[in-house]
Amino acid sequence: MTEGNHYSGKCQLKADKRLLSIQIASYYSCALNLSGINCYAENLINDKSLVHYVLSKDLLLFCYGDGINERLIIEDLIKEGVHGLIYDK
Protein backbone atom coordinates (compact mmCIF):
# COMPACT_ATOMS: atom_id res chain seq x y z
CA MET A 1 0.00 0.00 0.00
CA THR A 2 1.34 3.44 -0.85
CA GLU A 3 0.55 6.88 0.39
CA GLY A 4 2.34 8.53 -2.51
CA ASN A 5 2.08 12.29 -2.48
CA HIS A 6 -0.91 12.21 -0.15
CA TYR A 7 -0.69 14.06 3.11
CA SER A 8 -3.81 15.87 4.19
CA GLY A 9 -3.40 15.60 7.93
CA LYS A 10 -5.74 12.58 7.96
CA CYS A 11 -2.82 10.17 7.91
CA GLN A 12 0.82 10.57 8.71
CA LEU A 13 3.54 9.65 6.26
CA LYS A 14 5.16 6.38 7.25
CA ALA A 15 8.88 5.89 7.79
CA ASP A 16 8.84 2.90 5.42
CA LYS A 17 10.33 4.12 2.12
CA ARG A 18 8.29 1.57 0.13
CA LEU A 19 5.19 3.67 0.84
CA LEU A 20 6.54 6.93 -0.55
CA SER A 21 5.66 6.52 -4.21
CA ILE A 22 3.87 4.30 -6.66
CA GLN A 23 7.12 3.77 -8.55
CA ILE A 24 8.96 2.54 -5.44
CA ALA A 25 6.03 0.29 -4.48
CA SER A 26 6.01 -1.16 -8.01
CA TYR A 27 9.75 -1.80 -7.92
CA TYR A 28 9.46 -3.49 -4.53
CA SER A 29 6.52 -5.62 -5.68
CA CYS A 30 8.42 -6.78 -8.75
CA ALA A 31 11.55 -7.55 -6.74
CA LEU A 32 9.58 -9.78 -4.35
CA ASN A 33 7.38 -11.24 -7.08
CA LEU A 34 4.21 -9.82 -5.48
CA SER A 35 0.97 -9.67 -7.46
CA GLY A 36 0.49 -5.91 -7.32
CA ILE A 37 0.09 -2.73 -5.32
CA ASN A 38 -2.65 -0.78 -3.56
CA CYS A 39 -2.26 2.98 -3.78
CA TYR A 40 -4.01 6.23 -2.97
CA ALA A 41 -6.47 6.98 -5.79
CA GLU A 42 -5.91 10.73 -5.97
CA ASN A 43 -2.39 10.15 -7.30
CA LEU A 44 -3.82 8.08 -10.17
CA ILE A 45 -6.58 10.60 -10.83
CA ASN A 46 -4.04 13.43 -11.08
CA ASP A 47 -1.48 11.49 -13.13
CA LYS A 48 -2.86 8.75 -15.39
CA SER A 49 0.67 7.81 -16.51
CA LEU A 50 1.09 6.14 -13.10
CA VAL A 51 -1.61 3.62 -14.05
CA HIS A 52 0.27 2.75 -17.22
CA TYR A 53 3.57 2.59 -15.31
CA VAL A 54 2.21 -0.04 -12.90
CA LEU A 55 0.50 -2.02 -15.66
CA SER A 56 3.72 -2.01 -17.71
CA LYS A 57 5.31 -3.96 -14.81
CA ASP A 58 2.59 -6.65 -15.13
CA LEU A 59 1.27 -5.84 -11.65
CA LEU A 60 -2.29 -5.72 -10.38
CA LEU A 61 -3.38 -2.23 -9.40
CA PHE A 62 -5.89 -1.47 -6.67
CA CYS A 63 -6.63 1.96 -5.23
CA TYR A 64 -8.45 3.52 -2.30
CA GLY A 65 -9.47 6.95 -1.07
CA ASP A 66 -12.14 9.59 -0.76
CA GLY A 67 -11.63 10.72 -4.35
CA ILE A 68 -13.25 7.63 -5.85
CA ASN A 69 -16.74 8.06 -4.48
CA GLU A 70 -18.00 9.53 -7.76
CA ARG A 71 -19.23 7.31 -10.56
CA LEU A 72 -17.43 9.15 -13.39
CA ILE A 73 -14.08 8.89 -11.61
CA ILE A 74 -14.64 5.19 -10.94
CA GLU A 75 -15.48 4.55 -14.60
CA ASP A 76 -12.44 6.53 -15.74
CA LEU A 77 -10.06 4.59 -13.48
CA ILE A 78 -11.49 1.27 -14.66
CA LYS A 79 -11.18 2.41 -18.29
CA GLU A 80 -7.52 3.30 -17.65
CA GLY A 81 -6.91 -0.25 -16.41
CA VAL A 82 -7.16 -0.18 -12.60
CA HIS A 83 -8.06 -3.70 -11.46
CA GLY A 84 -9.96 -2.82 -8.29
CA LEU A 85 -11.26 0.09 -6.25
CA ILE A 86 -11.81 0.25 -2.50
CA TYR A 87 -14.40 2.88 -1.60
CA ASP A 88 -17.42 3.62 0.56
CA LYS A 89 -20.72 3.43 -1.22
PDB file of N, CA and C in Angstrom:
ATOM      1  N   MET A   1       0.845  -1.166   0.000  1.00  0.00           N
ATOM      2  CA  MET A   1       0.000   0.000   0.000  1.00  0.00           C
ATOM      3  C   MET A   1       0.895   1.236   0.000  1.00  0.00           C
ATOM      4  N   THR A   2       0.566   2.203  -0.815  1.00  0.00           N
ATOM      5  CA  THR A   2       1.344   3.436  -0.851  1.00  0.00           C
ATOM      6  C   THR A   2       0.516   4.599  -0.350  1.00  0.00           C
ATOM      7  N   GLU A   3       1.203   5.618   0.073  1.00  0.00           N
ATOM      8  CA  GLU A   3       0.552   6.878   0.392  1.00  0.00           C
ATOM      9  C   GLU A   3       0.918   7.921  -0.640  1.00  0.00           C
ATOM     10  N   GLY A   4       1.949   7.633  -1.435  1.00  0.00           N
ATOM     11  CA  GLY A   4       2.341   8.527  -2.509  1.00  0.00           C
ATOM     12  C   GLY A   4       2.519   9.953  -2.051  1.00  0.00           C
ATOM     13  N   ASN A   5       1.954  10.875  -2.791  1.00  0.00           N
ATOM     14  CA  ASN A   5       2.080  12.294  -2.481  1.00  0.00           C
ATOM     15  C   ASN A   5       0.962  12.781  -1.576  1.00  0.00           C
ATOM     16  N   HIS A   6       0.248  11.857  -0.959  1.00  0.00           N
ATOM     17  CA  HIS A   6      -0.909  12.211  -0.150  1.00  0.00           C
ATOM     18  C   HIS A   6      -0.495  12.534   1.273  1.00  0.00           C
ATOM     19  N   TYR A   7      -0.821  13.712   1.692  1.00  0.00           N
ATOM     20  CA  TYR A   7      -0.694  14.063   3.107  1.00  0.00           C
ATOM     21  C   TYR A   7      -1.652  15.201   3.372  1.00  0.00           C
ATOM     22  N   SER A   8      -2.788  14.864   3.948  1.00  0.00           N
ATOM     23  CA  SER A   8      -3.806  15.873   4.188  1.00  0.00           C
ATOM     24  C   SER A   8      -4.035  16.108   5.674  1.00  0.00           C
ATOM     25  N   GLY A   9      -3.196  15.501   6.508  1.00  0.00           N
ATOM     26  CA  GLY A   9      -3.402  15.601   7.930  1.00  0.00           C
ATOM     27  C   GLY A   9      -4.232  14.435   8.454  1.00  0.00           C
ATOM     28  N   LYS A  10      -4.933  13.733   7.557  1.00  0.00           N
ATOM     29  CA  LYS A  10      -5.735  12.578   7.959  1.00  0.00           C
ATOM     30  C   LYS A  10      -4.838  11.395   8.328  1.00  0.00           C
ATOM     31  N   CYS A  11      -3.750  11.257   7.613  1.00  0.00           N
ATOM     32  CA  CYS A  11      -2.824  10.169   7.906  1.00  0.00           C
ATOM     33  C   CYS A  11      -1.408  10.714   7.882  1.00  0.00           C
ATOM     34  N   GLN A  12      -0.552  10.120   8.647  1.00  0.00           N
ATOM     35  CA  GLN A  12       0.825  10.572   8.707  1.00  0.00           C
ATOM     36  C   GLN A  12       1.676   9.714   7.786  1.00  0.00           C
ATOM     37  N   LEU A  13       2.628  10.351   7.137  1.00  0.00           N
ATOM     38  CA  LEU A  13       3.540   9.652   6.257  1.00  0.00           C
ATOM     39  C   LEU A  13       4.357   8.646   7.052  1.00  0.00           C
ATOM     40  N   LYS A  14       4.455   7.450   6.568  1.00  0.00           N
ATOM     41  CA  LYS A  14       5.163   6.378   7.250  1.00  0.00           C
ATOM     42  C   LYS A  14       6.673   6.497   7.025  1.00  0.00           C
ATOM     43  N   ALA A  15       7.423   5.898   7.913  1.00  0.00           N
ATOM     44  CA  ALA A  15       8.875   5.890   7.788  1.00  0.00           C
ATOM     45  C   ALA A  15       9.337   4.878   6.742  1.00  0.00           C
ATOM     46  N   ASP A  16       8.492   3.938   6.388  1.00  0.00           N
ATOM     47  CA  ASP A  16       8.835   2.899   5.421  1.00  0.00           C
ATOM     48  C   ASP A  16       8.916   3.519   4.022  1.00  0.00           C
ATOM     49  N   LYS A  17      10.091   3.487   3.421  1.00  0.00           N
ATOM     50  CA  LYS A  17      10.329   4.117   2.118  1.00  0.00           C
ATOM     51  C   LYS A  17       9.519   3.477   0.989  1.00  0.00           C
ATOM     52  N   ARG A  18       9.073   2.242   1.172  1.00  0.00           N
ATOM     53  CA  ARG A  18       8.286   1.570   0.133  1.00  0.00           C
ATOM     54  C   ARG A  18       6.928   2.221  -0.052  1.00  0.00           C
ATOM     55  N   LEU A  19       6.503   3.033   0.914  1.00  0.00           N
ATOM     56  CA  LEU A  19       5.189   3.674   0.845  1.00  0.00           C
ATOM     57  C   LEU A  19       5.228   5.059   0.204  1.00  0.00           C
ATOM     58  N   LEU A  20       6.409   5.542  -0.118  1.00  0.00           N
ATOM     59  CA  LEU A  20       6.541   6.930  -0.547  1.00  0.00           C
ATOM     60  C   LEU A  20       6.059   7.225  -1.959  1.00  0.00           C
ATOM     61  N   SER A  21       6.115   6.255  -2.848  1.00  0.00           N
ATOM     62  CA  SER A  21       5.660   6.523  -4.212  1.00  0.00           C
ATOM     63  C   SER A  21       5.164   5.249  -4.875  1.00  0.00           C
ATOM     64  N   ILE A  22       4.384   5.425  -5.891  1.00  0.00           N
ATOM     65  CA  ILE A  22       3.870   4.302  -6.664  1.00  0.00           C
ATOM     66  C   ILE A  22       5.012   3.605  -7.390  1.00  0.00           C
ATOM     67  N   GLN A  23       5.980   4.362  -7.860  1.00  0.00           N
ATOM     68  CA  GLN A  23       7.119   3.770  -8.552  1.00  0.00           C
ATOM     69  C   GLN A  23       7.932   2.870  -7.618  1.00  0.00           C
ATOM     70  N   ILE A  24       8.195   3.343  -6.401  1.00  0.00           N
ATOM     71  CA  ILE A  24       8.963   2.543  -5.441  1.00  0.00           C
ATOM     72  C   ILE A  24       8.171   1.293  -5.054  1.00  0.00           C
ATOM     73  N   ALA A  25       6.871   1.439  -4.823  1.00  0.00           N
ATOM     74  CA  ALA A  25       6.035   0.287  -4.479  1.00  0.00           C
ATOM     75  C   ALA A  25       6.033  -0.734  -5.618  1.00  0.00           C
ATOM     76  N   SER A  26       5.990  -0.267  -6.852  1.00  0.00           N
ATOM     77  CA  SER A  26       6.013  -1.162  -8.009  1.00  0.00           C
ATOM     78  C   SER A  26       7.339  -1.906  -8.096  1.00  0.00           C
ATOM     79  N   TYR A  27       8.413  -1.180  -7.894  1.00  0.00           N
ATOM     80  CA  TYR A  27       9.746  -1.795  -7.925  1.00  0.00           C
ATOM     81  C   TYR A  27       9.855  -2.877  -6.848  1.00  0.00           C
ATOM     82  N   TYR A  28       9.424  -2.551  -5.650  1.00  0.00           N
ATOM     83  CA  TYR A  28       9.463  -3.492  -4.531  1.00  0.00           C
ATOM     84  C   TYR A  28       8.595  -4.718  -4.825  1.00  0.00           C
ATOM     85  N   SER A  29       7.415  -4.519  -5.355  1.00  0.00           N
ATOM     86  CA  SER A  29       6.524  -5.623  -5.681  1.00  0.00           C
ATOM     87  C   SER A  29       7.129  -6.547  -6.727  1.00  0.00           C
ATOM     88  N   CYS A  30       7.763  -5.965  -7.722  1.00  0.00           N
ATOM     89  CA  CYS A  30       8.416  -6.777  -8.754  1.00  0.00           C
ATOM     90  C   CYS A  30       9.594  -7.560  -8.163  1.00  0.00           C
ATOM     91  N   ALA A  31      10.375  -6.909  -7.325  1.00  0.00           N
ATOM     92  CA  ALA A  31      11.554  -7.546  -6.736  1.00  0.00           C
ATOM     93  C   ALA A  31      11.175  -8.752  -5.882  1.00  0.00           C
ATOM     94  N   LEU A  32      10.028  -8.680  -5.212  1.00  0.00           N
ATOM     95  CA  LEU A  32       9.582  -9.776  -4.350  1.00  0.00           C
ATOM     96  C   LEU A  32       8.551 -10.684  -5.018  1.00  0.00           C
ATOM     97  N   ASN A  33       8.330 -10.447  -6.313  1.00  0.00           N
ATOM     98  CA  ASN A  33       7.378 -11.236  -7.081  1.00  0.00           C
ATOM     99  C   ASN A  33       5.972 -11.204  -6.460  1.00  0.00           C
ATOM    100  N   LEU A  34       5.563 -10.020  -6.003  1.00  0.00           N
ATOM    101  CA  LEU A  34       4.212  -9.824  -5.479  1.00  0.00           C
ATOM    102  C   LEU A  34       3.254  -9.615  -6.648  1.00  0.00           C
ATOM    103  N   SER A  35       1.979  -9.780  -6.392  1.00  0.00           N
ATOM    104  CA  SER A  35       0.973  -9.672  -7.456  1.00  0.00           C
ATOM    105  C   SER A  35       0.688  -8.243  -7.882  1.00  0.00           C
ATOM    106  N   GLY A  36       0.813  -7.274  -6.956  1.00  0.00           N
ATOM    107  CA  GLY A  36       0.488  -5.910  -7.315  1.00  0.00           C
ATOM    108  C   GLY A  36       0.616  -4.954  -6.154  1.00  0.00           C
ATOM    109  N   ILE A  37       0.025  -3.771  -6.348  1.00  0.00           N
ATOM    110  CA  ILE A  37       0.085  -2.729  -5.320  1.00  0.00           C
ATOM    111  C   ILE A  37      -1.307  -2.146  -5.077  1.00  0.00           C
ATOM    112  N   ASN A  38      -1.447  -1.509  -3.929  1.00  0.00           N
ATOM    113  CA  ASN A  38      -2.654  -0.779  -3.557  1.00  0.00           C
ATOM    114  C   ASN A  38      -2.210   0.647  -3.245  1.00  0.00           C
ATOM    115  N   CYS A  39      -2.740   1.615  -3.960  1.00  0.00           N
ATOM    116  CA  CYS A  39      -2.260   2.982  -3.783  1.00  0.00           C
ATOM    117  C   CYS A  39      -3.406   3.968  -3.590  1.00  0.00           C
ATOM    118  N   TYR A  40      -3.051   5.160  -3.182  1.00  0.00           N
ATOM    119  CA  TYR A  40      -4.006   6.232  -2.972  1.00  0.00           C
ATOM    120  C   TYR A  40      -4.531   6.709  -4.320  1.00  0.00           C
ATOM    121  N   ALA A  41      -5.843   6.711  -4.498  1.00  0.00           N
ATOM    122  CA  ALA A  41      -6.468   6.979  -5.793  1.00  0.00           C
ATOM    123  C   ALA A  41      -6.191   8.369  -6.340  1.00  0.00           C
ATOM    124  N   GLU A  42      -6.082   9.364  -5.483  1.00  0.00           N
ATOM    125  CA  GLU A  42      -5.907  10.728  -5.974  1.00  0.00           C
ATOM    126  C   GLU A  42      -4.646  10.871  -6.820  1.00  0.00           C
ATOM    127  N   ASN A  43      -3.609  10.114  -6.490  1.00  0.00           N
ATOM    128  CA  ASN A  43      -2.388  10.152  -7.301  1.00  0.00           C
ATOM    129  C   ASN A  43      -2.655   9.656  -8.713  1.00  0.00           C
ATOM    130  N   LEU A  44      -3.472   8.620  -8.846  1.00  0.00           N
ATOM    131  CA  LEU A  44      -3.820   8.082 -10.167  1.00  0.00           C
ATOM    132  C   LEU A  44      -4.751   9.012 -10.926  1.00  0.00           C
ATOM    133  N   ILE A  45      -5.652   9.653 -10.209  1.00  0.00           N
ATOM    134  CA  ILE A  45      -6.580  10.598 -10.829  1.00  0.00           C
ATOM    135  C   ILE A  45      -5.814  11.792 -11.405  1.00  0.00           C
ATOM    136  N   ASN A  46      -4.819  12.261 -10.662  1.00  0.00           N
ATOM    137  CA  ASN A  46      -4.043  13.428 -11.083  1.00  0.00           C
ATOM    138  C   ASN A  46      -2.989  13.111 -12.134  1.00  0.00           C
ATOM    139  N   ASP A  47      -2.531  11.862 -12.182  1.00  0.00           N
ATOM    140  CA  ASP A  47      -1.475  11.485 -13.126  1.00  0.00           C
ATOM    141  C   ASP A  47      -1.761  10.092 -13.679  1.00  0.00           C
ATOM    142  N   LYS A  48      -2.463  10.026 -14.793  1.00  0.00           N
ATOM    143  CA  LYS A  48      -2.856   8.751 -15.394  1.00  0.00           C
ATOM    144  C   LYS A  48      -1.657   7.925 -15.859  1.00  0.00           C
ATOM    145  N   SER A  49      -0.515   8.567 -16.078  1.00  0.00           N
ATOM    146  CA  SER A  49       0.666   7.813 -16.505  1.00  0.00           C
ATOM    147  C   SER A  49       1.112   6.825 -15.436  1.00  0.00           C
ATOM    148  N   LEU A  50       0.743   7.070 -14.174  1.00  0.00           N
ATOM    149  CA  LEU A  50       1.092   6.140 -13.100  1.00  0.00           C
ATOM    150  C   LEU A  50       0.366   4.812 -13.270  1.00  0.00           C
ATOM    151  N   VAL A  51      -0.864   4.856 -13.772  1.00  0.00           N
ATOM    152  CA  VAL A  51      -1.606   3.619 -14.048  1.00  0.00           C
ATOM    153  C   VAL A  51      -0.838   2.797 -15.077  1.00  0.00           C
ATOM    154  N   HIS A  52      -0.435   3.439 -16.151  1.00  0.00           N
ATOM    155  CA  HIS A  52       0.269   2.747 -17.221  1.00  0.00           C
ATOM    156  C   HIS A  52       1.645   2.258 -16.758  1.00  0.00           C
ATOM    157  N   TYR A  53       2.281   3.009 -15.861  1.00  0.00           N
ATOM    158  CA  TYR A  53       3.565   2.586 -15.309  1.00  0.00           C
ATOM    159  C   TYR A  53       3.417   1.262 -14.566  1.00  0.00           C
ATOM    160  N   VAL A  54       2.428   1.179 -13.683  1.00  0.00           N
ATOM    161  CA  VAL A  54       2.207  -0.045 -12.904  1.00  0.00           C
ATOM    162  C   VAL A  54       1.829  -1.200 -13.823  1.00  0.00           C
ATOM    163  N   LEU A  55       0.937  -0.964 -14.756  1.00  0.00           N
ATOM    164  CA  LEU A  55       0.501  -2.023 -15.664  1.00  0.00           C
ATOM    165  C   LEU A  55       1.649  -2.510 -16.549  1.00  0.00           C
ATOM    166  N   SER A  56       2.576  -1.624 -16.890  1.00  0.00           N
ATOM    167  CA  SER A  56       3.725  -2.014 -17.708  1.00  0.00           C
ATOM    168  C   SER A  56       4.644  -2.985 -16.964  1.00  0.00           C
ATOM    169  N   LYS A  57       4.525  -3.036 -15.645  1.00  0.00           N
ATOM    170  CA  LYS A  57       5.315  -3.958 -14.814  1.00  0.00           C
ATOM    171  C   LYS A  57       4.570  -5.277 -14.594  1.00  0.00           C
ATOM    172  N   ASP A  58       3.429  -5.453 -15.267  1.00  0.00           N
ATOM    173  CA  ASP A  58       2.587  -6.648 -15.125  1.00  0.00           C
ATOM    174  C   ASP A  58       2.129  -6.866 -13.685  1.00  0.00           C
ATOM    175  N   LEU A  59       1.765  -5.782 -13.016  1.00  0.00           N
ATOM    176  CA  LEU A  59       1.269  -5.838 -11.648  1.00  0.00           C
ATOM    177  C   LEU A  59      -0.230  -5.546 -11.626  1.00  0.00           C
ATOM    178  N   LEU A  60      -0.905  -6.105 -10.632  1.00  0.00           N
ATOM    179  CA  LEU A  60      -2.291  -5.724 -10.378  1.00  0.00           C
ATOM    180  C   LEU A  60      -2.291  -4.369  -9.698  1.00  0.00           C
ATOM    181  N   LEU A  61      -3.304  -3.569  -9.970  1.00  0.00           N
ATOM    182  CA  LEU A  61      -3.376  -2.228  -9.397  1.00  0.00           C
ATOM    183  C   LEU A  61      -4.738  -2.005  -8.747  1.00  0.00           C
ATOM    184  N   PHE A  62      -4.702  -1.799  -7.445  1.00  0.00           N
ATOM    185  CA  PHE A  62      -5.894  -1.466  -6.671  1.00  0.00           C
ATOM    186  C   PHE A  62      -5.684  -0.078  -6.088  1.00  0.00           C
ATOM    187  N   CYS A  63      -6.763   0.638  -5.837  1.00  0.00           N
ATOM    188  CA  CYS A  63      -6.628   1.962  -5.231  1.00  0.00           C
ATOM    189  C   CYS A  63      -7.751   2.210  -4.231  1.00  0.00           C
ATOM    190  N   TYR A  64      -7.508   3.180  -3.362  1.00  0.00           N
ATOM    191  CA  TYR A  64      -8.450   3.519  -2.297  1.00  0.00           C
ATOM    192  C   TYR A  64      -8.466   5.028  -2.121  1.00  0.00           C
ATOM    193  N   GLY A  65      -9.471   5.541  -1.426  1.00  0.00           N
ATOM    194  CA  GLY A  65      -9.470   6.951  -1.073  1.00  0.00           C
ATOM    195  C   GLY A  65     -10.809   7.630  -1.272  1.00  0.00           C
ATOM    196  N   ASP A  66     -10.909   8.804  -0.690  1.00  0.00           N
ATOM    197  CA  ASP A  66     -12.141   9.588  -0.755  1.00  0.00           C
ATOM    198  C   ASP A  66     -12.461  10.042  -2.179  1.00  0.00           C
ATOM    199  N   GLY A  67     -11.446  10.197  -3.002  1.00  0.00           N
ATOM    200  CA  GLY A  67     -11.631  10.724  -4.353  1.00  0.00           C
ATOM    201  C   GLY A  67     -12.366   9.811  -5.303  1.00  0.00           C
ATOM    202  N   ILE A  68     -12.596   8.557  -4.917  1.00  0.00           N
ATOM    203  CA  ILE A  68     -13.253   7.631  -5.847  1.00  0.00           C
ATOM    204  C   ILE A  68     -14.682   7.302  -5.439  1.00  0.00           C
ATOM    205  N   ASN A  69     -15.338   8.240  -4.831  1.00  0.00           N
ATOM    206  CA  ASN A  69     -16.741   8.055  -4.475  1.00  0.00           C
ATOM    207  C   ASN A  69     -17.693   8.566  -5.548  1.00  0.00           C
ATOM    208  N   GLU A  70     -17.166   9.033  -6.659  1.00  0.00           N
ATOM    209  CA  GLU A  70     -17.998   9.533  -7.756  1.00  0.00           C
ATOM    210  C   GLU A  70     -17.951   8.560  -8.927  1.00  0.00           C
ATOM    211  N   ARG A  71     -19.098   8.302  -9.491  1.00  0.00           N
ATOM    212  CA  ARG A  71     -19.228   7.306 -10.559  1.00  0.00           C
ATOM    213  C   ARG A  71     -18.326   7.582 -11.767  1.00  0.00           C
ATOM    214  N   LEU A  72     -18.242   8.823 -12.212  1.00  0.00           N
ATOM    215  CA  LEU A  72     -17.427   9.150 -13.385  1.00  0.00           C
ATOM    216  C   LEU A  72     -15.949   8.876 -13.140  1.00  0.00           C
ATOM    217  N   ILE A  73     -15.486   9.150 -11.943  1.00  0.00           N
ATOM    218  CA  ILE A  73     -14.079   8.893 -11.611  1.00  0.00           C
ATOM    219  C   ILE A  73     -13.830   7.390 -11.572  1.00  0.00           C
ATOM    220  N   ILE A  74     -14.755   6.646 -10.994  1.00  0.00           N
ATOM    221  CA  ILE A  74     -14.643   5.186 -10.941  1.00  0.00           C
ATOM    222  C   ILE A  74     -14.571   4.609 -12.358  1.00  0.00           C
ATOM    223  N   GLU A  75     -15.465   5.039 -13.215  1.00  0.00           N
ATOM    224  CA  GLU A  75     -15.485   4.550 -14.597  1.00  0.00           C
ATOM    225  C   GLU A  75     -14.202   4.902 -15.332  1.00  0.00           C
ATOM    226  N   ASP A  76     -13.682   6.099 -15.096  1.00  0.00           N
ATOM    227  CA  ASP A  76     -12.439   6.529 -15.741  1.00  0.00           C
ATOM    228  C   ASP A  76     -11.253   5.675 -15.283  1.00  0.00           C
ATOM    229  N   LEU A  77     -11.161   5.414 -13.992  1.00  0.00           N
ATOM    230  CA  LEU A  77     -10.056   4.594 -13.481  1.00  0.00           C
ATOM    231  C   LEU A  77     -10.133   3.167 -14.030  1.00  0.00           C
ATOM    232  N   ILE A  78     -11.322   2.615 -14.106  1.00  0.00           N
ATOM    233  CA  ILE A  78     -11.491   1.273 -14.663  1.00  0.00           C
ATOM    234  C   ILE A  78     -11.107   1.264 -16.137  1.00  0.00           C
ATOM    235  N   LYS A  79     -11.529   2.301 -16.868  1.00  0.00           N
ATOM    236  CA  LYS A  79     -11.183   2.411 -18.291  1.00  0.00           C
ATOM    237  C   LYS A  79      -9.667   2.500 -18.491  1.00  0.00           C
ATOM    238  N   GLU A  80      -8.984   3.172 -17.562  1.00  0.00           N
ATOM    239  CA  GLU A  80      -7.523   3.298 -17.650  1.00  0.00           C
ATOM    240  C   GLU A  80      -6.814   1.978 -17.362  1.00  0.00           C
ATOM    241  N   GLY A  81      -7.506   1.055 -16.648  1.00  0.00           N
ATOM    242  CA  GLY A  81      -6.906  -0.249 -16.407  1.00  0.00           C
ATOM    243  C   GLY A  81      -6.745  -0.649 -14.955  1.00  0.00           C
ATOM    244  N   VAL A  82      -7.228   0.171 -14.017  1.00  0.00           N
ATOM    245  CA  VAL A  82      -7.157  -0.178 -12.597  1.00  0.00           C
ATOM    246  C   VAL A  82      -7.977  -1.453 -12.380  1.00  0.00           C
ATOM    247  N   HIS A  83      -7.406  -2.404 -11.658  1.00  0.00           N
ATOM    248  CA  HIS A  83      -8.061  -3.700 -11.455  1.00  0.00           C
ATOM    249  C   HIS A  83      -9.126  -3.689 -10.366  1.00  0.00           C
ATOM    250  N   GLY A  84      -8.975  -2.841  -9.367  1.00  0.00           N
ATOM    251  CA  GLY A  84      -9.957  -2.820  -8.293  1.00  0.00           C
ATOM    252  C   GLY A  84      -9.947  -1.516  -7.538  1.00  0.00           C
ATOM    253  N   LEU A  85     -11.105  -1.154  -7.001  1.00  0.00           N
ATOM    254  CA  LEU A  85     -11.257   0.088  -6.252  1.00  0.00           C
ATOM    255  C   LEU A  85     -11.849  -0.225  -4.880  1.00  0.00           C
ATOM    256  N   ILE A  86     -11.316   0.410  -3.864  1.00  0.00           N
ATOM    257  CA  ILE A  86     -11.810   0.250  -2.504  1.00  0.00           C
ATOM    258  C   ILE A  86     -12.403   1.594  -2.106  1.00  0.00           C
ATOM    259  N   TYR A  87     -13.725   1.612  -1.899  1.00  0.00           N
ATOM    260  CA  TYR A  87     -14.401   2.877  -1.604  1.00  0.00           C
ATOM    261  C   TYR A  87     -15.662   2.631  -0.790  1.00  0.00           C
ATOM    262  N   ASP A  88     -16.167   3.686  -0.162  1.00  0.00           N
ATOM    263  CA  ASP A  88     -17.417   3.624   0.561  1.00  0.00           C
ATOM    264  C   ASP A  88     -18.548   3.952  -0.392  1.00  0.00           C
ATOM    265  N   LYS A  89     -19.595   3.197  -0.327  1.00  0.00           N
ATOM    266  CA  LYS A  89     -20.720   3.431  -1.216  1.00  0.00           C
ATOM    267  C   LYS A  89     -21.774   4.253  -0.531  1.00  0.00           C
TER     268      LYS A  89
END
